[in-house]
Amino acid sequence: MKTLSILVLLSLAVICLTSGKTYVSQHADDELAQDGPFVEKEEASEVVRQKRAAPELSLTQLESLKEVCETNLACDEMMDAQGIIAAYTAYYGPIPY
């Protein structure tokens, strides 16, 4: 009797795991069908975040970053290996301009 009940439970578990859609995905599909292709502006801005491109630094700005980074030996060595921008941001945080 125990073996039969274990087999029934295992078969139900297999059926549940191998079914095509879960409850969560069905619920999400229903919401998408109700809303259609239009969403609120706030919701869209949360979903699609635009990345801002890093501005090109002038030679003067790069030179000032180098001067700051040269005072720290570890930053100076990293600057030689990975570049001034990577070294400065690793040791001093985001570039101020």
PDB file of N, CA and C in Angstrom:
ATOM      1  N   MET A   1       0.825  -1.202   0.000  1.00  0.00           N
ATOM      2  CA  MET A   1       0.000   0.000   0.000  1.00  0.00           C
ATOM      3  C   MET A   1       0.862   1.257   0.000  1.00  0.00           C
ATOM      4  N   LYS A   2       1.946   1.219   0.823  1.00  0.00           N
ATOM      5  CA  LYS A   2       2.844   2.383   0.849  1.00  0.00           C
ATOM      6  C   LYS A   2       3.496   2.606  -0.507  1.00  0.00           C
ATOM      7  N   THR A   3       3.883   1.537  -1.131  1.00  0.00           N
ATOM      8  CA  THR A   3       4.540   1.629  -2.430  1.00  0.00           C
ATOM      9  C   THR A   3       3.606   2.243  -3.464  1.00  0.00           C
ATOM     10  N   LEU A   4       2.372   1.852  -3.445  1.00  0.00           N
ATOM     11  CA  LEU A   4       1.393   2.391  -4.389  1.00  0.00           C
ATOM     12  C   LEU A   4       1.182   3.883  -4.170  1.00  0.00           C
ATOM     13  N   SER A   5       1.057   4.316  -2.929  1.00  0.00           N
ATOM     14  CA  SER A   5       0.842   5.740  -2.660  1.00  0.00           C
ATOM     15  C   SER A   5       2.087   6.559  -3.040  1.00  0.00           C
ATOM     16  N   ILE A   6       3.266   6.005  -2.812  1.00  0.00           N
ATOM     17  CA  ILE A   6       4.494   6.716  -3.206  1.00  0.00           C
ATOM     18  C   ILE A   6       4.572   6.831  -4.724  1.00  0.00           C
ATOM     19  N   LEU A   7       4.212   5.758  -5.428  1.00  0.00           N
ATOM     20  CA  LEU A   7       4.209   5.799  -6.891  1.00  0.00           C
ATOM     21  C   LEU A   7       3.217   6.832  -7.419  1.00  0.00           C
ATOM     22  N   VAL A   8       2.056   6.912  -6.824  1.00  0.00           N
ATOM     23  CA  VAL A   8       1.046   7.889  -7.256  1.00  0.00           C
ATOM     24  C   VAL A   8       1.558   9.306  -7.031  1.00  0.00           C
ATOM     25  N   LEU A   9       2.141   9.549  -5.855  1.00  0.00           N
ATOM     26  CA  LEU A   9       2.666  10.888  -5.572  1.00  0.00           C
ATOM     27  C   LEU A   9       3.806  11.253  -6.512  1.00  0.00           C
ATOM     28  N   LEU A  10       4.701  10.322  -6.765  1.00  0.00           N
ATOM     29  CA  LEU A  10       5.807  10.597  -7.688  1.00  0.00           C
ATOM     30  C   LEU A  10       5.311  10.838  -9.103  1.00  0.00           C
ATOM     31  N   SER A  11       4.324  10.089  -9.543  1.00  0.00           N
ATOM     32  CA  SER A  11       3.789  10.313 -10.887  1.00  0.00           C
ATOM     33  C   SER A  11       3.101  11.673 -10.987  1.00  0.00           C
ATOM     34  N   LEU A  12       2.395  12.084  -9.944  1.00  0.00           N
ATOM     35  CA  LEU A  12       1.797  13.429  -9.949  1.00  0.00           C
ATOM     36  C   LEU A  12       2.869  14.514  -9.986  1.00  0.00           C
ATOM     37  N   ALA A  13       3.951  14.298  -9.245  1.00  0.00           N
ATOM     38  CA  ALA A  13       5.044  15.269  -9.253  1.00  0.00           C
ATOM     39  C   ALA A  13       5.672  15.369 -10.635  1.00  0.00           C
ATOM     40  N   VAL A  14       5.859  14.241 -11.306  1.00  0.00           N
ATOM     41  CA  VAL A  14       6.436  14.241 -12.658  1.00  0.00           C
ATOM     42  C   VAL A  14       5.506  14.946 -13.624  1.00  0.00           C
ATOM     43  N   ILE A  15       4.227  14.692 -13.521  1.00  0.00           N
ATOM     44  CA  ILE A  15       3.264  15.341 -14.410  1.00  0.00           C
ATOM     45  C   ILE A  15       3.276  16.851 -14.192  1.00  0.00           C
ATOM     46  N   CYS A  16       3.330  17.281 -12.953  1.00  0.00           N
ATOM     47  CA  CYS A  16       3.359  18.719 -12.664  1.00  0.00           C
ATOM     48  C   CYS A  16       4.637  19.373 -13.180  1.00  0.00           C
ATOM     49  N   LEU A  17       5.753  18.693 -13.019  1.00  0.00           N
ATOM     50  CA  LEU A  17       7.025  19.278 -13.450  1.00  0.00           C
ATOM     51  C   LEU A  17       7.190  19.291 -14.955  1.00  0.00           C
ATOM     52  N   THR A  18       6.574  18.347 -15.650  1.00  0.00           N
ATOM     53  CA  THR A  18       6.758  18.274 -17.098  1.00  0.00           C
ATOM     54  C   THR A  18       5.652  18.956 -17.879  1.00  0.00           C
ATOM     55  N   SER A  19       4.679  19.556 -17.206  1.00  0.00           N
ATOM     56  CA  SER A  19       3.615  20.243 -17.932  1.00  0.00           C
ATOM     57  C   SER A  19       4.182  21.478 -18.614  1.00  0.00           C
ATOM     58  N   GLY A  20       3.544  21.903 -19.698  1.00  0.00           N
ATOM     59  CA  GLY A  20       4.065  22.986 -20.526  1.00  0.00           C
ATOM     60  C   GLY A  20       4.169  24.321 -19.831  1.00  0.00           C
ATOM     61  N   LYS A  21       3.116  24.787 -19.219  1.00  0.00           N
ATOM     62  CA  LYS A  21       3.110  26.102 -18.596  1.00  0.00           C
ATOM     63  C   LYS A  21       2.842  25.975 -17.109  1.00  0.00           C
ATOM     64  N   THR A  22       3.466  26.860 -16.374  1.00  0.00           N
ATOM     65  CA  THR A  22       3.192  26.906 -14.946  1.00  0.00           C
ATOM     66  C   THR A  22       2.128  27.956 -14.680  1.00  0.00           C
ATOM     67  N   TYR A  23       1.672  28.013 -13.464  1.00  0.00           N
ATOM     68  CA  TYR A  23       0.663  29.002 -13.097  1.00  0.00           C
ATOM     69  C   TYR A  23       1.194  30.412 -13.258  1.00  0.00           C
ATOM     70  N   VAL A  24       2.461  30.628 -12.900  1.00  0.00           N
ATOM     71  CA  VAL A  24       3.045  31.968 -12.971  1.00  0.00           C
ATOM     72  C   VAL A  24       3.114  32.441 -14.405  1.00  0.00           C
ATOM     73  N   SER A  25       3.573  31.592 -15.331  1.00  0.00           N
ATOM     74  CA  SER A  25       3.670  32.026 -16.719  1.00  0.00           C
ATOM     75  C   SER A  25       2.290  32.232 -17.334  1.00  0.00           C
ATOM     76  N   GLN A  26       1.293  31.420 -16.946  1.00  0.00           N
ATOM     77  CA  GLN A  26      -0.060  31.627 -17.448  1.00  0.00           C
ATOM     78  C   GLN A  26      -0.613  32.952 -16.954  1.00  0.00           C
ATOM     79  N   HIS A  27      -0.344  33.289 -15.692  1.00  0.00           N
ATOM     80  CA  HIS A  27      -0.817  34.541 -15.123  1.00  0.00           C
ATOM     81  C   HIS A  27      -0.167  35.725 -15.835  1.00  0.00           C
ATOM     82  N   ALA A  28       1.119  35.630 -16.136  1.00  0.00           N
ATOM     83  CA  ALA A  28       1.820  36.710 -16.833  1.00  0.00           C
ATOM     84  C   ALA A  28       1.273  36.867 -18.246  1.00  0.00           C
ATOM     85  N   ASP A  29       0.978  35.751 -18.921  1.00  0.00           N
ATOM     86  CA  ASP A  29       0.406  35.837 -20.257  1.00  0.00           C
ATOM     87  C   ASP A  29      -0.964  36.501 -20.229  1.00  0.00           C
ATOM     88  N   ASP A  30      -1.768  36.203 -19.207  1.00  0.00           N
ATOM     89  CA  ASP A  30      -3.087  36.818 -19.087  1.00  0.00           C
ATOM     90  C   ASP A  30      -2.972  38.328 -18.889  1.00  0.00           C
ATOM     91  N   GLU A  31      -2.034  38.750 -18.045  1.00  0.00           N
ATOM     92  CA  GLU A  31      -1.848  40.191 -17.824  1.00  0.00           C
ATOM     93  C   GLU A  31      -1.398  40.884 -19.093  1.00  0.00           C
ATOM     94  N   LEU A  32      -0.510  40.246 -19.867  1.00  0.00           N
ATOM     95  CA  LEU A  32      -0.020  40.839 -21.102  1.00  0.00           C
ATOM     96  C   LEU A  32      -1.150  40.977 -22.108  1.00  0.00           C
ATOM     97  N   ALA A  33      -2.029  39.983 -22.152  1.00  0.00           N
ATOM     98  CA  ALA A  33      -3.144  40.039 -23.086  1.00  0.00           C
ATOM     99  C   ALA A  33      -4.124  41.148 -22.706  1.00  0.00           C
ATOM    100  N   GLN A  34      -4.296  41.414 -21.409  1.00  0.00           N
ATOM    101  CA  GLN A  34      -5.207  42.452 -20.977  1.00  0.00           C
ATOM    102  C   GLN A  34      -4.650  43.846 -21.244  1.00  0.00           C
ATOM    103  N   ASP A  35      -3.343  44.041 -20.961  1.00  0.00           N
ATOM    104  CA  ASP A  35      -2.747  45.351 -21.116  1.00  0.00           C
ATOM    105  C   ASP A  35      -2.507  45.707 -22.575  1.00  0.00           C
ATOM    106  N   GLY A  36      -2.203  44.739 -23.386  1.00  0.00           N
ATOM    107  CA  GLY A  36      -1.882  45.001 -24.770  1.00  0.00           C
ATOM    108  C   GLY A  36      -0.480  45.581 -24.875  1.00  0.00           C
ATOM    109  N   PRO A  37      -0.181  46.219 -25.984  1.00  0.00           N
ATOM    110  CA  PRO A  37       1.182  46.719 -26.179  1.00  0.00           C
ATOM    111  C   PRO A  37       1.465  48.038 -25.464  1.00  0.00           C
ATOM    112  N   PHE A  38       0.457  48.644 -24.853  1.00  0.00           N
ATOM    113  CA  PHE A  38       0.636  49.945 -24.243  1.00  0.00           C
ATOM    114  C   PHE A  38       0.823  49.833 -22.731  1.00  0.00           C
ATOM    115  N   VAL A  39       1.805  50.564 -22.214  1.00  0.00           N
ATOM    116  CA  VAL A  39       2.064  50.595 -20.774  1.00  0.00           C
ATOM    117  C   VAL A  39       2.241  52.043 -20.351  1.00  0.00           C
ATOM    118  N   GLU A  40       2.175  52.269 -19.053  1.00  0.00           N
ATOM    119  CA  GLU A  40       2.373  53.610 -18.520  1.00  0.00           C
ATOM    120  C   GLU A  40       3.835  54.042 -18.695  1.00  0.00           C
ATOM    121  N   LYS A  41       4.044  55.330 -18.738  1.00  0.00           N
ATOM    122  CA  LYS A  41       5.380  55.861 -18.955  1.00  0.00           C
ATOM    123  C   LYS A  41       6.344  55.471 -17.833  1.00  0.00           C
ATOM    124  N   GLU A  42       5.874  55.508 -16.591  1.00  0.00           N
ATOM    125  CA  GLU A  42       6.728  55.158 -15.460  1.00  0.00           C
ATOM    126  C   GLU A  42       7.139  53.693 -15.513  1.00  0.00           C
ATOM    127  N   GLU A  43       6.184  52.840 -15.875  1.00  0.00           N
ATOM    128  CA  GLU A  43       6.487  51.407 -15.967  1.00  0.00           C
ATOM    129  C   GLU A  43       7.478  51.132 -17.093  1.00  0.00           C
ATOM    130  N   ALA A  44       7.302  51.816 -18.197  1.00  0.00           N
ATOM    131  CA  ALA A  44       8.217  51.626 -19.326  1.00  0.00           C
ATOM    132  C   ALA A  44       9.618  52.103 -18.991  1.00  0.00           C
ATOM    133  N   SER A  45       9.731  53.197 -18.253  1.00  0.00           N
ATOM    134  CA  SER A  45      11.061  53.697 -17.911  1.00  0.00           C
ATOM    135  C   SER A  45      11.759  52.787 -16.920  1.00  0.00           C
ATOM    136  N   GLU A  46      10.984  52.058 -16.099  1.00  0.00           N
ATOM    137  CA  GLU A  46      11.597  51.088 -15.199  1.00  0.00           C
ATOM    138  C   GLU A  46      12.109  49.878 -15.968  1.00  0.00           C
ATOM    139  N   VAL A  47      11.368  49.474 -16.988  1.00  0.00           N
ATOM    140  CA  VAL A  47      11.753  48.294 -17.751  1.00  0.00           C
ATOM    141  C   VAL A  47      12.926  48.600 -18.672  1.00  0.00           C
ATOM    142  N   VAL A  48      12.859  49.724 -19.339  1.00  0.00           N
ATOM    143  CA  VAL A  48      13.893  50.063 -20.315  1.00  0.00           C
ATOM    144  C   VAL A  48      14.721  51.210 -19.762  1.00  0.00           C
ATOM    145  N   ARG A  49      15.841  50.890 -19.188  1.00  0.00           N
ATOM    146  CA  ARG A  49      16.763  51.912 -18.691  1.00  0.00           C
ATOM    147  C   ARG A  49      17.786  52.198 -19.772  1.00  0.00           C
ATOM    148  N   GLN A  50      17.916  53.452 -20.117  1.00  0.00           N
ATOM    149  CA  GLN A  50      18.890  53.823 -21.130  1.00  0.00           C
ATOM    150  C   GLN A  50      20.238  54.044 -20.470  1.00  0.00           C
ATOM    151  N   LYS A  51      21.243  53.455 -21.070  1.00  0.00           N
ATOM    152  CA  LYS A  51      22.590  53.657 -20.566  1.00  0.00           C
ATOM    153  C   LYS A  51      23.155  54.914 -21.207  1.00  0.00           C
ATOM    154  N   ARG A  52      23.742  55.720 -20.383  1.00  0.00           N
ATOM    155  CA  ARG A  52      24.363  56.930 -20.898  1.00  0.00           C
ATOM    156  C   ARG A  52      25.803  56.620 -21.274  1.00  0.00           C
ATOM    157  N   ALA A  53      26.183  57.052 -22.432  1.00  0.00           N
ATOM    158  CA  ALA A  53      27.545  56.804 -22.884  1.00  0.00           C
ATOM    159  C   ALA A  53      28.510  57.707 -22.111  1.00  0.00           C
ATOM    160  N   ALA A  54      29.659  57.170 -21.818  1.00  0.00           N
ATOM    161  CA  ALA A  54      30.662  57.962 -21.104  1.00  0.00           C
ATOM    162  C   ALA A  54      31.175  59.059 -22.039  1.00  0.00           C
ATOM    163  N   PRO A  55      31.222  60.293 -21.553  1.00  0.00           N
ATOM    164  CA  PRO A  55      31.691  61.370 -22.417  1.00  0.00           C
ATOM    165  C   PRO A  55      33.191  61.228 -22.672  1.00  0.00           C
ATOM    166  N   GLU A  56      33.607  61.706 -23.812  1.00  0.00           N
ATOM    167  CA  GLU A  56      35.029  61.700 -24.148  1.00  0.00           C
ATOM    168  C   GLU A  56      35.735  62.738 -23.287  1.00  0.00           C
ATOM    169  N   LEU A  57      36.815  62.344 -22.655  1.00  0.00           N
ATOM    170  CA  LEU A  57      37.576  63.259 -21.814  1.00  0.00           C
ATOM    171  C   LEU A  57      38.621  63.975 -22.650  1.00  0.00           C
ATOM    172  N   SER A  58      38.817  65.242 -22.341  1.00  0.00           N
ATOM    173  CA  SER A  58      39.837  66.006 -23.069  1.00  0.00           C
ATOM    174  C   SER A  58      41.222  65.618 -22.550  1.00  0.00           C
ATOM    175  N   LEU A  59      42.242  66.033 -23.254  1.00  0.00           N
ATOM    176  CA  LEU A  59      43.617  65.722 -22.842  1.00  0.00           C
ATOM    177  C   LEU A  59      43.942  66.352 -21.489  1.00  0.00           C
ATOM    178  N   THR A  60      43.417  67.536 -21.237  1.00  0.00           N
ATOM    179  CA  THR A  60      43.644  68.200 -19.952  1.00  0.00           C
ATOM    180  C   THR A  60      43.014  67.411 -18.815  1.00  0.00           C
ATOM    181  N   GLN A  61      41.804  66.927 -19.030  1.00  0.00           N
ATOM    182  CA  GLN A  61      41.133  66.134 -18.008  1.00  0.00           C
ATOM    183  C   GLN A  61      41.877  64.822 -17.749  1.00  0.00           C
ATOM    184  N   LEU A  62      42.329  64.160 -18.818  1.00  0.00           N
ATOM    185  CA  LEU A  62      43.090  62.923 -18.649  1.00  0.00           C
ATOM    186  C   LEU A  62      44.393  63.170 -17.896  1.00  0.00           C
ATOM    187  N   GLU A  63      45.038  64.280 -18.191  1.00  0.00           N
ATOM    188  CA  GLU A  63      46.298  64.611 -17.519  1.00  0.00           C
ATOM    189  C   GLU A  63      46.067  64.865 -16.030  1.00  0.00           C
ATOM    190  N   SER A  64      44.974  65.524 -15.689  1.00  0.00           N
ATOM    191  CA  SER A  64      44.701  65.762 -14.266  1.00  0.00           C
ATOM    192  C   SER A  64      44.392  64.452 -13.543  1.00  0.00           C
ATOM    193  N   LEU A  65      43.716  63.522 -14.213  1.00  0.00           N
ATOM    194  CA  LEU A  65      43.481  62.209 -13.616  1.00  0.00           C
ATOM    195  C   LEU A  65      44.795  61.459 -13.409  1.00  0.00           C
ATOM    196  N   LYS A  66      45.702  61.574 -14.377  1.00  0.00           N
ATOM    197  CA  LYS A  66      47.011  60.920 -14.255  1.00  0.00           C
ATOM    198  C   LYS A  66      47.793  61.474 -13.080  1.00  0.00           C
ATOM    199  N   GLU A  67      47.739  62.780 -12.900  1.00  0.00           N
ATOM    200  CA  GLU A  67      48.480  63.402 -11.793  1.00  0.00           C
ATOM    201  C   GLU A  67      47.966  62.903 -10.444  1.00  0.00           C
ATOM    202  N   VAL A  68      46.663  62.758 -10.328  1.00  0.00           N
ATOM    203  CA  VAL A  68      46.101  62.258  -9.080  1.00  0.00           C
ATOM    204  C   VAL A  68      46.500  60.796  -8.874  1.00  0.00           C
ATOM    205  N   CYS A  69      46.432  60.005  -9.932  1.00  0.00           N
ATOM    206  CA  CYS A  69      46.700  58.578  -9.832  1.00  0.00           C
ATOM    207  C   CYS A  69      48.185  58.287  -9.613  1.00  0.00           C
ATOM    208  N   GLU A  70      49.064  59.167 -10.077  1.00  0.00           N
ATOM    209  CA  GLU A  70      50.503  58.938  -9.918  1.00  0.00           C
ATOM    210  C   GLU A  70      50.959  59.059  -8.469  1.00  0.00           C
ATOM    211  N   THR A  71      50.174  59.710  -7.625  1.00  0.00           N
ATOM    212  CA  THR A  71      50.565  59.842  -6.223  1.00  0.00           C
ATOM    213  C   THR A  71      50.389  58.533  -5.450  1.00  0.00           C
ATOM    214  N   ASN A  72      49.583  57.621  -5.967  1.00  0.00           N
ATOM    215  CA  ASN A  72      49.347  56.324  -5.343  1.00  0.00           C
ATOM    216  C   ASN A  72      50.078  55.271  -6.182  1.00  0.00           C
ATOM    217  N   LEU A  73      51.006  54.534  -5.587  1.00  0.00           N
ATOM    218  CA  LEU A  73      51.825  53.571  -6.318  1.00  0.00           C
ATOM    219  C   LEU A  73      50.972  52.468  -6.938  1.00  0.00           C
ATOM    220  N   ALA A  74      50.008  51.955  -6.199  1.00  0.00           N
ATOM    221  CA  ALA A  74      49.154  50.887  -6.732  1.00  0.00           C
ATOM    222  C   ALA A  74      48.304  51.393  -7.897  1.00  0.00           C
ATOM    223  N   CYS A  75      47.802  52.594  -7.776  1.00  0.00           N
ATOM    224  CA  CYS A  75      47.009  53.191  -8.854  1.00  0.00           C
ATOM    225  C   CYS A  75      47.889  53.428 -10.077  1.00  0.00           C
ATOM    226  N   ASP A  76      49.125  53.858  -9.856  1.00  0.00           N
ATOM    227  CA  ASP A  76      50.057  54.113 -10.952  1.00  0.00           C
ATOM    228  C   ASP A  76      50.366  52.825 -11.717  1.00  0.00           C
ATOM    229  N   GLU A  77      50.562  51.724 -10.979  1.00  0.00           N
ATOM    230  CA  GLU A  77      50.828  50.453 -11.638  1.00  0.00           C
ATOM    231  C   GLU A  77      49.602  49.952 -12.399  1.00  0.00           C
ATOM    232  N   MET A  78      48.437  50.128 -11.820  1.00  0.00           N
ATOM    233  CA  MET A  78      47.216  49.714 -12.509  1.00  0.00           C
ATOM    234  C   MET A  78      46.980  50.577 -13.743  1.00  0.00           C
ATOM    235  N   MET A  79      47.338  51.851 -13.658  1.00  0.00           N
ATOM    236  CA  MET A  79      47.184  52.754 -14.786  1.00  0.00           C
ATOM    237  C   MET A  79      48.020  52.275 -15.963  1.00  0.00           C
ATOM    238  N   ASP A  80      49.229  51.774 -15.680  1.00  0.00           N
ATOM    239  CA  ASP A  80      50.086  51.285 -16.754  1.00  0.00           C
ATOM    240  C   ASP A  80      49.522  50.011 -17.384  1.00  0.00           C
ATOM    241  N   ALA A  81      48.851  49.192 -16.581  1.00  0.00           N
ATOM    242  CA  ALA A  81      48.351  47.917 -17.083  1.00  0.00           C
ATOM    243  C   ALA A  81      46.967  48.024 -17.723  1.00  0.00           C
ATOM    244  N   GLN A  82      46.045  48.770 -17.100  1.00  0.00           N
ATOM    245  CA  GLN A  82      44.651  48.769 -17.552  1.00  0.00           C
ATOM    246  C   GLN A  82      44.137  50.109 -18.056  1.00  0.00           C
ATOM    247  N   GLY A  83      44.914  51.146 -17.914  1.00  0.00           N
ATOM    248  CA  GLY A  83      44.472  52.448 -18.392  1.00  0.00           C
ATOM    249  C   GLY A  83      44.097  53.377 -17.260  1.00  0.00           C
ATOM    250  N   ILE A  84      44.099  54.655 -17.562  1.00  0.00           N
ATOM    251  CA  ILE A  84      43.901  55.679 -16.547  1.00  0.00           C
ATOM    252  C   ILE A  84      42.474  55.670 -16.002  1.00  0.00           C
ATOM    253  N   ILE A  85      41.498  55.479 -16.858  1.00  0.00           N
ATOM    254  CA  ILE A  85      40.108  55.554 -16.404  1.00  0.00           C
ATOM    255  C   ILE A  85      39.782  54.395 -15.466  1.00  0.00           C
ATOM    256  N   ALA A  86      40.217  53.189 -15.816  1.00  0.00           N
ATOM    257  CA  ALA A  86      39.970  52.032 -14.949  1.00  0.00           C
ATOM    258  C   ALA A  86      40.686  52.188 -13.612  1.00  0.00           C
ATOM    259  N   ALA A  87      41.914  52.666 -13.645  1.00  0.00           N
ATOM    260  CA  ALA A  87      42.681  52.817 -12.410  1.00  0.00           C
ATOM    261  C   ALA A  87      42.084  53.901 -11.523  1.00  0.00           C
ATOM    262  N   TYR A  88      41.734  55.029 -12.097  1.00  0.00           N
ATOM    263  CA  TYR A  88      41.180  56.128 -11.307  1.00  0.00           C
ATOM    264  C   TYR A  88      39.870  55.715 -10.646  1.00  0.00           C
ATOM    265  N   THR A  89      38.973  55.092 -11.422  1.00  0.00           N
ATOM    266  CA  THR A  89      37.685  54.702 -10.848  1.00  0.00           C
ATOM    267  C   THR A  89      37.841  53.602  -9.805  1.00  0.00           C
ATOM    268  N   ALA A  90      38.837  52.737  -9.946  1.00  0.00           N
ATOM    269  CA  ALA A  90      39.039  51.681  -8.962  1.00  0.00           C
ATOM    270  C   ALA A  90      39.515  52.246  -7.625  1.00  0.00           C
ATOM    271  N   TYR A  91      40.354  53.266  -7.654  1.00  0.00           N
ATOM    272  CA  TYR A  91      40.943  53.786  -6.410  1.00  0.00           C
ATOM    273  C   TYR A  91      40.239  55.035  -5.871  1.00  0.00           C
ATOM    274  N   TYR A  92      39.655  55.832  -6.749  1.00  0.00           N
ATOM    275  CA  TYR A  92      39.081  57.104  -6.296  1.00  0.00           C
ATOM    276  C   TYR A  92      37.601  57.260  -6.572  1.00  0.00           C
ATOM    277  N   GLY A  93      36.972  56.275  -7.189  1.00  0.00           N
ATOM    278  CA  GLY A  93      35.548  56.372  -7.467  1.00  0.00           C
ATOM    279  C   GLY A  93      35.261  56.952  -8.838  1.00  0.00           C
ATOM    280  N   PRO A  94      34.037  57.376  -9.069  1.00  0.00           N
ATOM    281  CA  PRO A  94      33.675  57.886 -10.396  1.00  0.00           C
ATOM    282  C   PRO A  94      34.428  59.160 -10.742  1.00  0.00           C
ATOM    283  N   ILE A  95      34.631  59.346 -12.027  1.00  0.00           N
ATOM    284  CA  ILE A  95      35.343  60.515 -12.529  1.00  0.00           C
ATOM    285  C   ILE A  95      34.459  61.749 -12.294  1.00  0.00           C
ATOM    286  N   PRO A  96      35.017  62.809 -11.699  1.00  0.00           N
ATOM    287  CA  PRO A  96      34.188  63.952 -11.303  1.00  0.00           C
ATOM    288  C   PRO A  96      33.677  64.803 -12.457  1.00  0.00           C
ATOM    289  N   TYR A  97      34.155  64.618 -13.651  1.00  0.00           N
ATOM    290  CA  TYR A  97      33.676  65.418 -14.780  1.00  0.00           C
ATOM    291  C   TYR A  97      33.447  64.569 -15.982  1.00  0.00           C
TER     292      TYR A  97
END
